[in-house]
Amino acid sequence: MKIVAGLMILIGLVLGAGAVLEFQHFGPEATPFWVAVFVTPASAFFVLAGVLLWFYGQRVRSIVVLAAVVMGAATVAATMLHVMGPPAMLIGMIGVIAVLVWFWRTRTAAPA
């Protein structure tokens, strides 16, 4: 669980830093600027969910999965708009897949 949380924090910081750099190089008339407008909060939410997972564990499963879905959507959208390249997309999706595998492996059995 701590490994997944650390991975979420690291991936969120890396992709968020890349998105913030788009603000420096592009203005509001360019597509990369608007992709950064959505990827930056998605990355921040991914980092926040990682921190919550680190401190609260299983109690924040739904927030963690929601953050993974938002991050996955932002990553795929940025890739489809040709703003994010394959390495960044791979990094983002590795984080999403790690969270979803963790969620699947730690699910609790339904009460009988």
N, C-alpha and C. Protein backbone atom coordinates (compact mmCIF):
# COMPACT_ATOMS: atom_id res chain seq x y z
N MET A 1 0.82 -1.19 0.00
CA MET A 1 0.00 0.00 0.00
C MET A 1 0.87 1.25 0.00
N LYS A 2 1.92 1.26 0.80
CA LYS A 2 2.82 2.42 0.83
C LYS A 2 3.56 2.58 -0.49
N ILE A 3 3.84 1.46 -1.15
CA ILE A 3 4.51 1.53 -2.45
C ILE A 3 3.59 2.18 -3.48
N VAL A 4 2.33 1.81 -3.48
CA VAL A 4 1.36 2.41 -4.41
C VAL A 4 1.21 3.89 -4.09
N ALA A 5 1.15 4.24 -2.82
CA ALA A 5 1.03 5.65 -2.44
C ALA A 5 2.25 6.44 -2.89
N GLY A 6 3.44 5.90 -2.69
CA GLY A 6 4.65 6.58 -3.13
C GLY A 6 4.70 6.71 -4.64
N LEU A 7 4.26 5.68 -5.35
CA LEU A 7 4.22 5.73 -6.80
C LEU A 7 3.23 6.80 -7.28
N MET A 8 2.09 6.89 -6.62
CA MET A 8 1.11 7.92 -6.98
C MET A 8 1.69 9.31 -6.78
N ILE A 9 2.35 9.52 -5.67
CA ILE A 9 2.93 10.83 -5.39
C ILE A 9 4.00 11.17 -6.43
N LEU A 10 4.88 10.24 -6.71
CA LEU A 10 5.96 10.48 -7.67
C LEU A 10 5.42 10.75 -9.07
N ILE A 11 4.50 9.94 -9.54
CA ILE A 11 3.95 10.11 -10.89
C ILE A 11 3.14 11.40 -10.98
N GLY A 12 2.37 11.70 -9.95
CA GLY A 12 1.61 12.96 -9.96
C GLY A 12 2.51 14.18 -10.00
N LEU A 13 3.61 14.13 -9.26
CA LEU A 13 4.55 15.26 -9.28
C LEU A 13 5.25 15.40 -10.63
N VAL A 14 5.64 14.29 -11.23
CA VAL A 14 6.33 14.35 -12.52
C VAL A 14 5.40 14.88 -13.61
N LEU A 15 4.21 14.33 -13.71
CA LEU A 15 3.29 14.79 -14.75
C LEU A 15 2.77 16.20 -14.46
N GLY A 16 2.58 16.51 -13.20
CA GLY A 16 2.16 17.87 -12.85
C GLY A 16 3.22 18.90 -13.17
N ALA A 17 4.48 18.56 -12.92
CA ALA A 17 5.57 19.49 -13.26
C ALA A 17 5.64 19.72 -14.76
N GLY A 18 5.45 18.66 -15.54
CA GLY A 18 5.43 18.82 -16.99
C GLY A 18 4.27 19.67 -17.46
N ALA A 19 3.12 19.51 -16.82
CA ALA A 19 1.96 20.31 -17.19
C ALA A 19 2.15 21.77 -16.83
N VAL A 20 2.76 22.03 -15.69
CA VAL A 20 3.01 23.42 -15.28
C VAL A 20 3.97 24.10 -16.25
N LEU A 21 4.93 23.35 -16.77
CA LEU A 21 5.86 23.92 -17.75
C LEU A 21 5.16 24.34 -19.04
N GLU A 22 4.04 23.71 -19.35
CA GLU A 22 3.28 24.12 -20.54
C GLU A 22 2.75 25.55 -20.38
N PHE A 23 2.43 25.94 -19.16
CA PHE A 23 1.98 27.32 -18.93
C PHE A 23 3.08 28.33 -19.27
N GLN A 24 4.31 27.95 -19.03
CA GLN A 24 5.44 28.84 -19.26
C GLN A 24 5.70 29.04 -20.75
N HIS A 25 5.45 28.02 -21.55
CA HIS A 25 5.83 28.07 -22.95
C HIS A 25 4.69 28.40 -23.91
N PHE A 26 3.45 28.24 -23.48
CA PHE A 26 2.32 28.44 -24.38
C PHE A 26 1.32 29.41 -23.76
N GLY A 27 0.62 30.12 -24.61
CA GLY A 27 -0.42 31.04 -24.17
C GLY A 27 -1.79 30.40 -24.33
N PRO A 28 -2.84 31.15 -23.95
CA PRO A 28 -4.20 30.59 -24.00
C PRO A 28 -4.70 30.25 -25.41
N GLU A 29 -4.00 30.70 -26.43
CA GLU A 29 -4.45 30.39 -27.79
C GLU A 29 -3.96 29.02 -28.28
N ALA A 30 -3.10 28.36 -27.51
CA ALA A 30 -2.53 27.08 -27.91
C ALA A 30 -3.18 25.91 -27.17
N THR A 31 -3.28 24.79 -27.84
CA THR A 31 -3.86 23.58 -27.25
C THR A 31 -3.10 23.08 -26.03
N PRO A 32 -1.74 23.08 -26.04
CA PRO A 32 -1.02 22.58 -24.84
C PRO A 32 -1.35 23.36 -23.57
N PHE A 33 -1.66 24.63 -23.71
CA PHE A 33 -2.03 25.43 -22.54
C PHE A 33 -3.30 24.87 -21.91
N TRP A 34 -4.30 24.57 -22.73
CA TRP A 34 -5.58 24.11 -22.20
C TRP A 34 -5.49 22.66 -21.71
N VAL A 35 -4.62 21.88 -22.29
CA VAL A 35 -4.38 20.54 -21.75
C VAL A 35 -3.77 20.66 -20.36
N ALA A 36 -2.83 21.60 -20.21
CA ALA A 36 -2.20 21.82 -18.90
C ALA A 36 -3.21 22.29 -17.86
N VAL A 37 -4.22 23.04 -18.30
CA VAL A 37 -5.25 23.51 -17.37
C VAL A 37 -5.97 22.32 -16.72
N PHE A 38 -6.11 21.22 -17.45
CA PHE A 38 -6.81 20.05 -16.91
C PHE A 38 -5.86 19.02 -16.30
N VAL A 39 -4.66 18.88 -16.84
CA VAL A 39 -3.73 17.88 -16.32
C VAL A 39 -3.14 18.31 -14.98
N THR A 40 -2.93 19.61 -14.79
CA THR A 40 -2.36 20.09 -13.53
C THR A 40 -3.25 19.76 -12.32
N PRO A 41 -4.55 20.08 -12.34
CA PRO A 41 -5.38 19.68 -11.19
C PRO A 41 -5.53 18.17 -11.06
N ALA A 42 -5.56 17.45 -12.19
CA ALA A 42 -5.65 15.99 -12.12
C ALA A 42 -4.41 15.42 -11.43
N SER A 43 -3.25 15.98 -11.74
CA SER A 43 -2.00 15.54 -11.09
C SER A 43 -2.00 15.89 -9.61
N ALA A 44 -2.48 17.07 -9.29
CA ALA A 44 -2.54 17.48 -7.88
C ALA A 44 -3.49 16.57 -7.10
N PHE A 45 -4.61 16.21 -7.70
CA PHE A 45 -5.55 15.31 -7.05
C PHE A 45 -4.94 13.92 -6.88
N PHE A 46 -4.15 13.47 -7.87
CA PHE A 46 -3.47 12.18 -7.79
C PHE A 46 -2.46 12.18 -6.64
N VAL A 47 -1.72 13.28 -6.50
CA VAL A 47 -0.75 13.40 -5.39
C VAL A 47 -1.49 13.42 -4.06
N LEU A 48 -2.56 14.19 -3.98
CA LEU A 48 -3.33 14.27 -2.74
C LEU A 48 -3.90 12.89 -2.36
N ALA A 49 -4.40 12.17 -3.33
CA ALA A 49 -4.92 10.82 -3.06
C ALA A 49 -3.80 9.89 -2.60
N GLY A 50 -2.60 10.05 -3.16
CA GLY A 50 -1.46 9.26 -2.71
C GLY A 50 -1.09 9.55 -1.27
N VAL A 51 -1.12 10.83 -0.90
CA VAL A 51 -0.82 11.21 0.49
C VAL A 51 -1.89 10.66 1.43
N LEU A 52 -3.15 10.76 1.02
CA LEU A 52 -4.22 10.21 1.85
C LEU A 52 -4.10 8.70 1.99
N LEU A 53 -3.73 8.02 0.91
CA LEU A 53 -3.53 6.58 0.98
C LEU A 53 -2.38 6.24 1.93
N TRP A 54 -1.34 7.04 1.90
CA TRP A 54 -0.18 6.80 2.77
C TRP A 54 -0.59 6.86 4.24
N PHE A 55 -1.39 7.89 4.59
CA PHE A 55 -1.72 8.10 6.00
C PHE A 55 -2.96 7.34 6.48
N TYR A 56 -3.95 7.15 5.60
CA TYR A 56 -5.21 6.56 6.05
C TYR A 56 -5.47 5.15 5.54
N GLY A 57 -4.71 4.69 4.59
CA GLY A 57 -4.82 3.31 4.11
C GLY A 57 -6.14 2.99 3.45
N GLN A 58 -6.71 1.85 3.83
CA GLN A 58 -7.91 1.31 3.20
C GLN A 58 -9.12 2.24 3.27
N ARG A 59 -9.13 3.14 4.22
CA ARG A 59 -10.31 3.99 4.40
C ARG A 59 -10.54 4.97 3.26
N VAL A 60 -9.55 5.20 2.41
CA VAL A 60 -9.69 6.18 1.33
C VAL A 60 -9.66 5.50 -0.05
N ARG A 61 -10.08 4.26 -0.10
CA ARG A 61 -10.05 3.51 -1.37
C ARG A 61 -10.83 4.21 -2.48
N SER A 62 -12.01 4.71 -2.17
CA SER A 62 -12.84 5.32 -3.21
C SER A 62 -12.20 6.60 -3.76
N ILE A 63 -11.57 7.39 -2.91
CA ILE A 63 -10.90 8.61 -3.37
C ILE A 63 -9.71 8.25 -4.26
N VAL A 64 -8.98 7.22 -3.87
CA VAL A 64 -7.82 6.79 -4.64
C VAL A 64 -8.23 6.31 -6.03
N VAL A 65 -9.29 5.53 -6.11
CA VAL A 65 -9.75 5.04 -7.41
C VAL A 65 -10.29 6.19 -8.25
N LEU A 66 -11.00 7.12 -7.65
CA LEU A 66 -11.48 8.28 -8.38
C LEU A 66 -10.31 9.09 -8.94
N ALA A 67 -9.28 9.28 -8.14
CA ALA A 67 -8.09 10.01 -8.62
C ALA A 67 -7.42 9.27 -9.76
N ALA A 68 -7.39 7.95 -9.71
CA ALA A 68 -6.80 7.17 -10.79
C ALA A 68 -7.60 7.31 -12.08
N VAL A 69 -8.91 7.31 -11.98
CA VAL A 69 -9.76 7.46 -13.16
C VAL A 69 -9.58 8.85 -13.77
N VAL A 70 -9.54 9.87 -12.93
CA VAL A 70 -9.34 11.24 -13.43
C VAL A 70 -7.97 11.38 -14.08
N MET A 71 -6.95 10.81 -13.45
CA MET A 71 -5.60 10.88 -14.01
C MET A 71 -5.52 10.12 -15.32
N GLY A 72 -6.15 8.97 -15.38
CA GLY A 72 -6.16 8.19 -16.62
C GLY A 72 -6.86 8.94 -17.74
N ALA A 73 -7.98 9.57 -17.44
CA ALA A 73 -8.71 10.34 -18.45
C ALA A 73 -7.88 11.53 -18.94
N ALA A 74 -7.23 12.23 -18.02
CA ALA A 74 -6.40 13.38 -18.41
C ALA A 74 -5.21 12.93 -19.24
N THR A 75 -4.61 11.80 -18.88
CA THR A 75 -3.45 11.29 -19.62
C THR A 75 -3.85 10.87 -21.03
N VAL A 76 -4.94 10.15 -21.17
CA VAL A 76 -5.38 9.71 -22.48
C VAL A 76 -5.80 10.90 -23.34
N ALA A 77 -6.50 11.86 -22.75
CA ALA A 77 -6.92 13.04 -23.51
C ALA A 77 -5.71 13.84 -24.00
N ALA A 78 -4.71 14.02 -23.15
CA ALA A 78 -3.52 14.76 -23.56
C ALA A 78 -2.76 14.02 -24.65
N THR A 79 -2.76 12.70 -24.59
CA THR A 79 -2.09 11.91 -25.63
C THR A 79 -2.86 12.00 -26.95
N MET A 80 -4.18 11.93 -26.89
CA MET A 80 -4.98 12.01 -28.11
C MET A 80 -4.88 13.39 -28.78
N LEU A 81 -4.64 14.42 -28.01
CA LEU A 81 -4.46 15.77 -28.57
C LEU A 81 -3.02 16.03 -29.00
N HIS A 82 -2.17 15.02 -28.93
CA HIS A 82 -0.77 15.10 -29.34
C HIS A 82 0.02 16.14 -28.55
N VAL A 83 -0.33 16.29 -27.29
CA VAL A 83 0.41 17.18 -26.40
C VAL A 83 1.36 16.38 -25.53
N MET A 84 0.92 15.23 -25.08
CA MET A 84 1.73 14.36 -24.24
C MET A 84 2.27 13.23 -25.11
N GLY A 85 3.55 12.98 -24.99
CA GLY A 85 4.18 11.93 -25.79
C GLY A 85 4.02 10.56 -25.17
N PRO A 86 4.47 9.53 -25.89
CA PRO A 86 4.34 8.16 -25.39
C PRO A 86 5.04 7.90 -24.05
N PRO A 87 6.24 8.44 -23.78
CA PRO A 87 6.84 8.17 -22.46
C PRO A 87 6.01 8.72 -21.30
N ALA A 88 5.50 9.94 -21.45
CA ALA A 88 4.68 10.53 -20.38
C ALA A 88 3.37 9.78 -20.24
N MET A 89 2.79 9.37 -21.36
CA MET A 89 1.56 8.61 -21.30
C MET A 89 1.79 7.27 -20.61
N LEU A 90 2.92 6.63 -20.90
CA LEU A 90 3.25 5.37 -20.26
C LEU A 90 3.42 5.54 -18.75
N ILE A 91 4.09 6.59 -18.35
CA ILE A 91 4.28 6.87 -16.92
C ILE A 91 2.93 7.08 -16.24
N GLY A 92 2.07 7.89 -16.85
CA GLY A 92 0.76 8.15 -16.27
C GLY A 92 -0.09 6.90 -16.17
N MET A 93 -0.06 6.07 -17.21
CA MET A 93 -0.90 4.87 -17.19
C MET A 93 -0.34 3.80 -16.27
N ILE A 94 0.97 3.77 -16.06
CA ILE A 94 1.53 2.84 -15.08
C ILE A 94 0.98 3.14 -13.69
N GLY A 95 0.88 4.42 -13.35
CA GLY A 95 0.30 4.80 -12.06
C GLY A 95 -1.15 4.40 -11.94
N VAL A 96 -1.91 4.63 -13.01
CA VAL A 96 -3.33 4.28 -12.99
C VAL A 96 -3.51 2.77 -12.86
N ILE A 97 -2.74 2.01 -13.63
CA ILE A 97 -2.85 0.55 -13.58
C ILE A 97 -2.42 0.02 -12.21
N ALA A 98 -1.38 0.61 -11.63
CA ALA A 98 -0.94 0.18 -10.29
C ALA A 98 -2.04 0.40 -9.26
N VAL A 99 -2.73 1.53 -9.35
CA VAL A 99 -3.81 1.81 -8.40
C VAL A 99 -4.97 0.84 -8.61
N LEU A 100 -5.33 0.60 -9.86
CA LEU A 100 -6.45 -0.30 -10.11
C LEU A 100 -6.14 -1.74 -9.71
N VAL A 101 -4.91 -2.18 -9.91
CA VAL A 101 -4.51 -3.52 -9.46
C VAL A 101 -4.54 -3.58 -7.94
N TRP A 102 -4.04 -2.55 -7.27
CA TRP A 102 -4.09 -2.51 -5.80
C TRP A 102 -5.54 -2.57 -5.32
N PHE A 103 -6.41 -1.79 -5.96
CA PHE A 103 -7.82 -1.76 -5.59
C PHE A 103 -8.44 -3.14 -5.76
N TRP A 104 -8.14 -3.80 -6.86
CA TRP A 104 -8.70 -5.11 -7.13
C TRP A 104 -8.18 -6.15 -6.14
N ARG A 105 -6.91 -6.08 -5.81
CA ARG A 105 -6.31 -7.09 -4.91
C ARG A 105 -6.69 -6.88 -3.43
N THR A 106 -7.10 -5.68 -3.06
CA THR A 106 -7.41 -5.42 -1.66
C THR A 106 -8.91 -5.33 -1.40
N ARG A 107 -9.71 -5.67 -2.37
CA ARG A 107 -11.16 -5.57 -2.16
C ARG A 107 -11.58 -6.56 -1.06
N THR A 108 -12.62 -6.20 -0.39
CA THR A 108 -13.12 -7.07 0.68
C THR A 108 -14.26 -7.92 0.13
N ALA A 109 -14.43 -9.08 0.70
CA ALA A 109 -15.49 -9.98 0.27
C ALA A 109 -16.84 -9.42 0.69
N ALA A 110 -17.82 -9.63 -0.14
CA ALA A 110 -19.18 -9.16 0.19
C ALA A 110 -19.72 -9.99 1.35
N PRO A 111 -20.45 -9.34 2.25
CA PRO A 111 -21.00 -10.09 3.38
C PRO A 111 -22.03 -11.12 2.90
N ALA A 112 -22.01 -12.29 3.51
CA ALA A 112 -22.92 -13.38 3.09
C ALA A 112 -24.28 -13.23 3.73
